[in-house]
Amino acid sequence: MTVDKTPEEARAELVATLNALEDKLNVPKRVGGAVNRGKKKLKEFSTENPGGALGVAAAATVTVGLAAWGIVRALSRR
């Protein structure tokens, strides 16, 4: 299927295709975007529900503390 295009149209189509591929395949860029969206959601949640945010922070702290304690305990029993 051959379509007659001007060189400018072909270049524009190629640029659009390459940009779309970069957006899909650039993992660090996608991860950065996801992190930024997560930060924004967390900030909105903590503004709307400070008590809930405090509860989540406390639960995360307890979880990390228990995990660290479990690891140290397991290693000290060797």
Protein backbone atom coordinates (compact mmCIF):
# COMPACT_ATOMS: atom_id res chain seq x y z
CA MET A 1 0.00 0.00 0.00
CA THR A 2 1.76 3.10 -1.21
CA VAL A 3 0.50 6.51 -0.25
CA ASP A 4 1.98 9.62 -1.78
CA LYS A 5 3.16 11.89 1.01
CA THR A 6 5.28 14.93 1.02
CA PRO A 7 8.62 14.61 2.81
CA GLU A 8 7.33 16.94 5.54
CA GLU A 9 4.29 14.72 6.15
CA ALA A 10 6.46 11.61 6.24
CA ARG A 11 8.87 13.25 8.72
CA ALA A 12 6.00 14.40 10.92
CA GLU A 13 4.54 10.88 10.94
CA LEU A 14 7.95 9.39 11.75
CA VAL A 15 8.47 11.86 14.60
CA ALA A 16 5.03 11.05 16.02
CA THR A 17 5.76 7.32 15.83
CA LEU A 18 9.16 7.67 17.48
CA ASN A 19 7.71 9.85 20.26
CA ALA A 20 4.99 7.26 20.90
CA LEU A 21 7.60 4.49 21.06
CA GLU A 22 9.75 6.51 23.44
CA ASP A 23 6.78 7.11 25.73
CA LYS A 24 6.03 3.38 25.85
CA LEU A 25 9.60 2.10 26.16
CA ASN A 26 11.23 4.71 28.40
CA VAL A 27 10.80 2.90 31.72
CA PRO A 28 12.54 5.50 33.94
CA LYS A 29 10.31 8.22 32.51
CA ARG A 30 7.19 6.12 33.13
CA VAL A 31 8.29 5.25 36.67
CA GLY A 32 9.00 8.91 37.37
CA GLY A 33 5.53 9.83 36.16
CA ALA A 34 3.95 7.15 38.34
CA VAL A 35 5.92 8.35 41.37
CA ASN A 36 4.83 11.93 40.75
CA ARG A 37 1.18 10.85 40.45
CA GLY A 38 1.51 8.86 43.68
CA LYS A 39 3.02 11.83 45.51
CA LYS A 40 0.20 14.05 44.30
CA LYS A 41 -2.44 11.54 45.45
CA LEU A 42 -0.74 11.15 48.83
CA LYS A 43 -0.58 14.90 49.32
CA GLU A 44 -4.28 15.26 48.42
CA PHE A 45 -5.19 12.41 50.79
CA SER A 46 -3.21 13.89 53.67
CA THR A 47 -4.82 17.30 53.09
CA GLU A 48 -8.35 15.89 52.94
CA ASN A 49 -7.93 13.33 55.72
CA PRO A 50 -5.04 14.14 58.09
CA GLY A 51 -6.14 11.56 60.66
CA GLY A 52 -6.19 8.80 58.07
CA ALA A 53 -2.78 9.86 56.79
CA LEU A 54 -1.41 9.73 60.33
CA GLY A 55 -2.87 6.24 60.76
CA VAL A 56 -1.30 5.04 57.51
CA ALA A 57 2.06 6.50 58.55
CA ALA A 58 1.84 4.81 61.96
CA ALA A 59 0.94 1.46 60.40
CA ALA A 60 3.83 1.73 57.94
CA THR A 61 6.22 2.56 60.78
CA VAL A 62 5.07 -0.44 62.81
CA THR A 63 5.36 -2.72 59.78
CA VAL A 64 8.91 -1.61 59.01
CA GLY A 65 9.88 -1.92 62.67
CA LEU A 66 8.48 -5.44 62.94
CA ALA A 67 10.20 -6.48 59.73
CA ALA A 68 13.54 -5.14 60.96
CA TRP A 69 13.07 -6.84 64.32
CA GLY A 70 12.24 -10.13 62.61
CA ILE A 71 15.30 -9.95 60.38
CA VAL A 72 17.63 -9.14 63.28
CA ARG A 73 16.10 -11.90 65.38
CA ALA A 74 16.47 -14.45 62.60
CA LEU A 75 20.08 -13.49 61.97
CA SER A 76 20.99 -13.53 65.68
CA ARG A 77 19.72 -17.10 66.08
CA ARG A 78 22.13 -18.50 63.49
